[in-house]
């Protein structure tokens, strides 16, 4: 399966949410990974994603999170 990665470490909410939504819509049938920065933004985004996806989160260094959608 093709894997697509979105790096939104330089963005803050609400732009990170909008970019993620666009990314998901463009890559419907592909494995999706989102890389983001910040605990607050991570919590907001992951709560929204949990409503429609099963997510797997890997915490990287310095508040960097990698979210895999399935």
PDB file of N, CA and C in Angstrom:
ATOM      1  N   UNK A   1       0.837  -1.181   0.000  1.00  0.00           N
ATOM      2  CA  UNK A   1       0.000   0.000   0.000  1.00  0.00           C
ATOM      3  C   UNK A   1       0.885   1.249   0.000  1.00  0.00           C
ATOM      4  N   UNK A   2       0.469   2.253  -0.721  1.00  0.00           N
ATOM      5  CA  UNK A   2       1.211   3.508  -0.821  1.00  0.00           C
ATOM      6  C   UNK A   2       1.062   4.289   0.483  1.00  0.00           C
ATOM      7  N   UNK A   3       2.155   4.870   0.936  1.00  0.00           N
ATOM      8  CA  UNK A   3       2.147   5.633   2.175  1.00  0.00           C
ATOM      9  C   UNK A   3       2.369   7.111   1.846  1.00  0.00           C
ATOM     10  N   UNK A   4       1.544   7.976   2.418  1.00  0.00           N
ATOM     11  CA  UNK A   4       1.679   9.416   2.251  1.00  0.00           C
ATOM     12  C   UNK A   4       1.949  10.042   3.602  1.00  0.00           C
ATOM     13  N   UNK A   5       2.829  11.050   3.629  1.00  0.00           N
ATOM     14  CA  UNK A   5       3.216  11.704   4.877  1.00  0.00           C
ATOM     15  C   UNK A   5       2.921  13.194   4.770  1.00  0.00           C
ATOM     16  N   UNK A   6       2.309  13.728   5.830  1.00  0.00           N
ATOM     17  CA  UNK A   6       2.039  15.160   5.938  1.00  0.00           C
ATOM     18  C   UNK A   6       2.823  15.695   7.122  1.00  0.00           C
ATOM     19  N   UNK A   7       3.691  16.665   6.887  1.00  0.00           N
ATOM     20  CA  UNK A   7       4.479  17.289   7.954  1.00  0.00           C
ATOM     21  C   UNK A   7       3.877  18.658   8.243  1.00  0.00           C
ATOM     22  N   UNK A   8       3.235  18.780   9.405  1.00  0.00           N
ATOM     23  CA  UNK A   8       2.629  20.054   9.797  1.00  0.00           C
ATOM     24  C   UNK A   8       3.282  20.592  11.075  1.00  0.00           C
ATOM     25  N   UNK A   9       4.565  20.294  11.254  1.00  0.00           N
ATOM     26  CA  UNK A   9       5.264  20.733  12.459  1.00  0.00           C
ATOM     27  C   UNK A   9       5.396  22.251  12.539  1.00  0.00           C
ATOM     28  N   UNK A  10       5.323  22.923  11.416  1.00  0.00           N
ATOM     29  CA  UNK A  10       5.462  24.381  11.420  1.00  0.00           C
ATOM     30  C   UNK A  10       4.119  25.097  11.550  1.00  0.00           C
ATOM     31  N   UNK A  11       3.017  24.349  11.589  1.00  0.00           N
ATOM     32  CA  UNK A  11       1.684  24.957  11.640  1.00  0.00           C
ATOM     33  C   UNK A  11       1.048  24.812  13.007  1.00  0.00           C
ATOM     34  N   UNK A  12       0.180  25.747  13.346  1.00  0.00           N
ATOM     35  CA  UNK A  12      -0.597  25.705  14.583  1.00  0.00           C
ATOM     36  C   UNK A  12      -2.064  25.581  14.223  1.00  0.00           C
ATOM     37  N   UNK A  13      -2.850  25.123  15.185  1.00  0.00           N
ATOM     38  CA  UNK A  13      -4.287  25.028  15.008  1.00  0.00           C
ATOM     39  C   UNK A  13      -4.834  26.450  14.783  1.00  0.00           C
ATOM     40  N   UNK A  14      -5.715  26.688  13.875  1.00  0.00           N
ATOM     41  CA  UNK A  14      -6.558  25.795  13.098  1.00  0.00           C
ATOM     42  C   UNK A  14      -5.966  25.386  11.748  1.00  0.00           C
ATOM     43  N   UNK A  15      -4.832  25.957  11.337  1.00  0.00           N
ATOM     44  CA  UNK A  15      -4.261  25.601  10.033  1.00  0.00           C
ATOM     45  C   UNK A  15      -3.852  24.131   9.974  1.00  0.00           C
ATOM     46  N   UNK A  16      -3.351  23.594  11.081  1.00  0.00           N
ATOM     47  CA  UNK A  16      -2.960  22.183  11.090  1.00  0.00           C
ATOM     48  C   UNK A  16      -4.185  21.297  10.849  1.00  0.00           C
ATOM     49  N   UNK A  17      -5.320  21.659  11.416  1.00  0.00           N
ATOM     50  CA  UNK A  17      -6.550  20.906  11.212  1.00  0.00           C
ATOM     51  C   UNK A  17      -6.997  20.983   9.753  1.00  0.00           C
ATOM     52  N   UNK A  18      -6.958  22.166   9.177  1.00  0.00           N
ATOM     53  CA  UNK A  18      -7.396  22.343   7.785  1.00  0.00           C
ATOM     54  C   UNK A  18      -6.488  21.585   6.812  1.00  0.00           C
ATOM     55  N   UNK A  19      -5.186  21.653   7.022  1.00  0.00           N
ATOM     56  CA  UNK A  19      -4.242  20.929   6.153  1.00  0.00           C
ATOM     57  C   UNK A  19      -4.435  19.418   6.278  1.00  0.00           C
ATOM     58  N   UNK A  20      -4.710  18.951   7.498  1.00  0.00           N
ATOM     59  CA  UNK A  20      -4.944  17.526   7.716  1.00  0.00           C
ATOM     60  C   UNK A  20      -6.206  17.072   7.001  1.00  0.00           C
ATOM     61  N   UNK A  21      -7.252  17.849   7.103  1.00  0.00           N
ATOM     62  CA  UNK A  21      -8.523  17.514   6.441  1.00  0.00           C
ATOM     63  C   UNK A  21      -8.322  17.419   4.929  1.00  0.00           C
ATOM     64  N   UNK A  22      -7.625  18.370   4.348  1.00  0.00           N
ATOM     65  CA  UNK A  22      -7.332  18.371   2.913  1.00  0.00           C
ATOM     66  C   UNK A  22      -6.480  17.151   2.535  1.00  0.00           C
ATOM     67  N   UNK A  23      -5.477  16.855   3.349  1.00  0.00           N
ATOM     68  CA  UNK A  23      -4.583  15.708   3.131  1.00  0.00           C
ATOM     69  C   UNK A  23      -5.367  14.389   3.132  1.00  0.00           C
ATOM     70  N   UNK A  24      -6.265  14.225   4.081  1.00  0.00           N
ATOM     71  CA  UNK A  24      -7.077  13.006   4.168  1.00  0.00           C
ATOM     72  C   UNK A  24      -7.964  12.866   2.943  1.00  0.00           C
ATOM     73  N   UNK A  25      -8.598  13.948   2.534  1.00  0.00           N
ATOM     74  CA  UNK A  25      -9.491  13.907   1.371  1.00  0.00           C
ATOM     75  C   UNK A  25      -8.750  13.590   0.073  1.00  0.00           C
ATOM     76  N   UNK A  26      -7.516  14.029  -0.053  1.00  0.00           N
ATOM     77  CA  UNK A  26      -6.734  13.775  -1.265  1.00  0.00           C
ATOM     78  C   UNK A  26      -6.150  12.358  -1.309  1.00  0.00           C
ATOM     79  N   UNK A  27      -6.045  11.725  -0.161  1.00  0.00           N
ATOM     80  CA  UNK A  27      -5.376  10.418  -0.074  1.00  0.00           C
ATOM     81  C   UNK A  27      -6.279   9.376   0.578  1.00  0.00           C
ATOM     82  N   UNK A  28      -7.465   9.231   0.055  1.00  0.00           N
ATOM     83  CA  UNK A  28      -8.471   8.361   0.668  1.00  0.00           C
ATOM     84  C   UNK A  28      -8.036   6.902   0.794  1.00  0.00           C
ATOM     85  N   UNK A  29      -7.414   6.338  -0.213  1.00  0.00           N
ATOM     86  CA  UNK A  29      -7.111   4.914  -0.213  1.00  0.00           C
ATOM     87  C   UNK A  29      -5.622   4.639  -0.020  1.00  0.00           C
ATOM     88  N   UNK A  30      -4.984   5.486   0.734  1.00  0.00           N
ATOM     89  CA  UNK A  30      -3.554   5.326   0.990  1.00  0.00           C
ATOM     90  C   UNK A  30      -3.311   5.349   2.495  1.00  0.00           C
ATOM     91  N   UNK A  31      -2.216   4.758   2.907  1.00  0.00           N
ATOM     92  CA  UNK A  31      -1.807   4.819   4.306  1.00  0.00           C
ATOM     93  C   UNK A  31      -1.357   6.252   4.582  1.00  0.00           C
ATOM     94  N   UNK A  32      -1.847   6.836   5.681  1.00  0.00           N
ATOM     95  CA  UNK A  32      -1.571   8.238   5.966  1.00  0.00           C
ATOM     96  C   UNK A  32      -0.821   8.395   7.282  1.00  0.00           C
ATOM     97  N   UNK A  33       0.228   9.214   7.247  1.00  0.00           N
ATOM     98  CA  UNK A  33       0.989   9.545   8.445  1.00  0.00           C
ATOM     99  C   UNK A  33       1.076  11.058   8.543  1.00  0.00           C
ATOM    100  N   UNK A  34       0.782  11.562   9.740  1.00  0.00           N
ATOM    101  CA  UNK A  34       0.818  13.000   9.993  1.00  0.00           C
ATOM    102  C   UNK A  34       1.864  13.260  11.073  1.00  0.00           C
ATOM    103  N   UNK A  35       2.770  14.171  10.804  1.00  0.00           N
ATOM    104  CA  UNK A  35       3.809  14.536  11.765  1.00  0.00           C
ATOM    105  C   UNK A  35       3.505  15.954  12.235  1.00  0.00           C
ATOM    106  N   UNK A  36       3.379  16.113  13.568  1.00  0.00           N
ATOM    107  CA  UNK A  36       3.027  17.434  14.093  1.00  0.00           C
ATOM    108  C   UNK A  36       3.800  17.733  15.362  1.00  0.00           C
ATOM    109  N   UNK A  37       3.745  19.001  15.782  1.00  0.00           N
ATOM    110  CA  UNK A  37       4.493  19.454  16.946  1.00  0.00           C
ATOM    111  C   UNK A  37       3.552  20.140  17.929  1.00  0.00           C
ATOM    112  N   UNK A  38       3.746  19.866  19.210  1.00  0.00           N
ATOM    113  CA  UNK A  38       3.003  20.536  20.265  1.00  0.00           C
ATOM    114  C   UNK A  38       1.933  19.654  20.887  1.00  0.00           C
ATOM    115  N   UNK A  39       1.954  19.563  22.221  1.00  0.00           N
ATOM    116  CA  UNK A  39       0.990  18.714  22.922  1.00  0.00           C
ATOM    117  C   UNK A  39      -0.443  19.199  22.761  1.00  0.00           C
ATOM    118  N   UNK A  40      -0.652  20.499  22.864  1.00  0.00           N
ATOM    119  CA  UNK A  40      -2.010  21.042  22.772  1.00  0.00           C
ATOM    120  C   UNK A  40      -2.608  20.771  21.388  1.00  0.00           C
ATOM    121  N   UNK A  41      -1.860  21.082  20.334  1.00  0.00           N
ATOM    122  CA  UNK A  41      -2.340  20.839  18.973  1.00  0.00           C
ATOM    123  C   UNK A  41      -2.539  19.349  18.723  1.00  0.00           C
ATOM    124  N   UNK A  42      -1.637  18.525  19.264  1.00  0.00           N
ATOM    125  CA  UNK A  42      -1.770  17.074  19.114  1.00  0.00           C
ATOM    126  C   UNK A  42      -3.078  16.585  19.738  1.00  0.00           C
ATOM    127  N   UNK A  43      -3.373  17.046  20.950  1.00  0.00           N
ATOM    128  CA  UNK A  43      -4.599  16.609  21.625  1.00  0.00           C
ATOM    129  C   UNK A  43      -5.842  17.027  20.848  1.00  0.00           C
ATOM    130  N   UNK A  44      -5.859  18.256  20.366  1.00  0.00           N
ATOM    131  CA  UNK A  44      -7.015  18.736  19.598  1.00  0.00           C
ATOM    132  C   UNK A  44      -7.210  17.925  18.316  1.00  0.00           C
ATOM    133  N   UNK A  45      -6.136  17.726  17.586  1.00  0.00           N
ATOM    134  CA  UNK A  45      -6.229  17.004  16.324  1.00  0.00           C
ATOM    135  C   UNK A  45      -6.553  15.522  16.538  1.00  0.00           C
ATOM    136  N   UNK A  46      -5.895  14.896  17.502  1.00  0.00           N
ATOM    137  CA  UNK A  46      -6.138  13.465  17.722  1.00  0.00           C
ATOM    138  C   UNK A  46      -7.566  13.204  18.185  1.00  0.00           C
ATOM    139  N   UNK A  47      -8.137  14.089  19.002  1.00  0.00           N
ATOM    140  CA  UNK A  47      -9.530  13.930  19.416  1.00  0.00           C
ATOM    141  C   UNK A  47     -10.466  13.988  18.216  1.00  0.00           C
ATOM    142  N   UNK A  48     -10.191  14.862  17.285  1.00  0.00           N
ATOM    143  CA  UNK A  48     -11.013  14.955  16.072  1.00  0.00           C
ATOM    144  C   UNK A  48     -10.840  13.716  15.190  1.00  0.00           C
ATOM    145  N   UNK A  49      -9.613  13.253  15.058  1.00  0.00           N
ATOM    146  CA  UNK A  49      -9.344  12.097  14.192  1.00  0.00           C
ATOM    147  C   UNK A  49      -9.932  10.801  14.758  1.00  0.00           C
ATOM    148  N   UNK A  50      -9.954  10.670  16.085  1.00  0.00           N
ATOM    149  CA  UNK A  50     -10.465   9.454  16.724  1.00  0.00           C
ATOM    150  C   UNK A  50     -11.938   9.216  16.415  1.00  0.00           C
ATOM    151  N   UNK A  51     -12.652  10.248  16.049  1.00  0.00           N
ATOM    152  CA  UNK A  51     -14.077  10.114  15.741  1.00  0.00           C
ATOM    153  C   UNK A  51     -14.300   9.300  14.463  1.00  0.00           C
ATOM    154  N   UNK A  52     -13.354   9.347  13.527  1.00  0.00           N
ATOM    155  CA  UNK A  52     -13.523   8.690  12.230  1.00  0.00           C
ATOM    156  C   UNK A  52     -12.447   7.672  11.869  1.00  0.00           C
ATOM    157  N   UNK A  53     -11.370   7.633  12.632  1.00  0.00           N
ATOM    158  CA  UNK A  53     -10.249   6.759  12.289  1.00  0.00           C
ATOM    159  C   UNK A  53      -9.719   6.067  13.530  1.00  0.00           C
ATOM    160  N   UNK A  54      -9.076   4.936  13.268  1.00  0.00           N
ATOM    161  CA  UNK A  54      -8.271   4.312  14.308  1.00  0.00           C
ATOM    162  C   UNK A  54      -6.892   4.930  14.154  1.00  0.00           C
ATOM    163  N   UNK A  55      -6.334   5.461  15.239  1.00  0.00           N
ATOM    164  CA  UNK A  55      -5.028   6.111  15.127  1.00  0.00           C
ATOM    165  C   UNK A  55      -3.993   5.388  15.972  1.00  0.00           C
ATOM    166  N   UNK A  56      -2.772   5.435  15.489  1.00  0.00           N
ATOM    167  CA  UNK A  56      -1.625   4.907  16.207  1.00  0.00           C
ATOM    168  C   UNK A  56      -0.637   6.059  16.332  1.00  0.00           C
ATOM    169  N   UNK A  57      -0.222   6.370  17.570  1.00  0.00           N
ATOM    170  CA  UNK A  57       0.625   7.537  17.807  1.00  0.00           C
ATOM    171  C   UNK A  57       1.990   7.099  18.316  1.00  0.00           C
ATOM    172  N   UNK A  58       3.015   7.697  17.725  1.00  0.00           N
ATOM    173  CA  UNK A  58       4.388   7.492  18.175  1.00  0.00           C
ATOM    174  C   UNK A  58       4.928   8.856  18.579  1.00  0.00           C
ATOM    175  N   UNK A  59       5.352   8.978  19.851  1.00  0.00           N
ATOM    176  CA  UNK A  59       5.925  10.240  20.312  1.00  0.00           C
ATOM    177  C   UNK A  59       7.402  10.255  19.957  1.00  0.00           C
ATOM    178  N   UNK A  60       7.778  11.274  19.214  1.00  0.00           N
ATOM    179  CA  UNK A  60       9.180  11.452  18.841  1.00  0.00           C
ATOM    180  C   UNK A  60       9.820  12.387  19.863  1.00  0.00           C
ATOM    181  N   UNK A  61      10.847  13.092  19.504  1.00  0.00           N
ATOM    182  CA  UNK A  61      11.537  13.999  20.419  1.00  0.00           C
ATOM    183  C   UNK A  61      10.873  15.370  20.475  1.00  0.00           C
ATOM    184  N   UNK A  62      11.058  16.079  21.573  1.00  0.00           N
ATOM    185  CA  UNK A  62      10.649  17.481  21.744  1.00  0.00           C
ATOM    186  C   UNK A  62       9.228  17.779  21.268  1.00  0.00           C
ATOM    187  N   UNK A  63       8.264  17.054  21.807  1.00  0.00           N
ATOM    188  CA  UNK A  63       6.846  17.282  21.492  1.00  0.00           C
ATOM    189  C   UNK A  63       6.509  17.096  20.020  1.00  0.00           C
ATOM    190  N   UNK A  64       7.216  16.206  19.345  1.00  0.00           N
ATOM    191  CA  UNK A  64       6.902  15.845  17.962  1.00  0.00           C
ATOM    192  C   UNK A  64       6.124  14.526  18.011  1.00  0.00           C
ATOM    193  N   UNK A  65       4.994  14.500  17.332  1.00  0.00           N
ATOM    194  CA  UNK A  65       4.138  13.312  17.320  1.00  0.00           C
ATOM    195  C   UNK A  65       3.950  12.830  15.894  1.00  0.00           C
ATOM    196  N   UNK A  66       3.953  11.508  15.727  1.00  0.00           N
ATOM    197  CA  UNK A  66       3.677  10.889  14.437  1.00  0.00           C
ATOM    198  C   UNK A  66       2.370  10.122  14.583  1.00  0.00           C
ATOM    199  N   UNK A  67       1.370  10.519  13.822  1.00  0.00           N
ATOM    200  CA  UNK A  67       0.047   9.905  13.888  1.00  0.00           C
ATOM    201  C   UNK A  67      -0.179   9.104  12.616  1.00  0.00           C
ATOM    202  N   UNK A  68      -0.464   7.823  12.788  1.00  0.00           N
ATOM    203  CA  UNK A  68      -0.762   6.950  11.660  1.00  0.00           C
ATOM    204  C   UNK A  68      -2.264   6.675  11.653  1.00  0.00           C
ATOM    205  N   UNK A  69      -2.909   6.918  10.525  1.00  0.00           N
ATOM    206  CA  UNK A  69      -4.353   6.697  10.409  1.00  0.00           C
ATOM    207  C   UNK A  69      -4.622   5.355   9.749  1.00  0.00           C
ATOM    208  N   UNK A  70      -5.607   4.624  10.289  1.00  0.00           N
ATOM    209  CA  UNK A  70      -6.043   3.392   9.640  1.00  0.00           C
ATOM    210  C   UNK A  70      -7.546   3.332   9.585  1.00  0.00           C
TER     211      UNK A  70
END
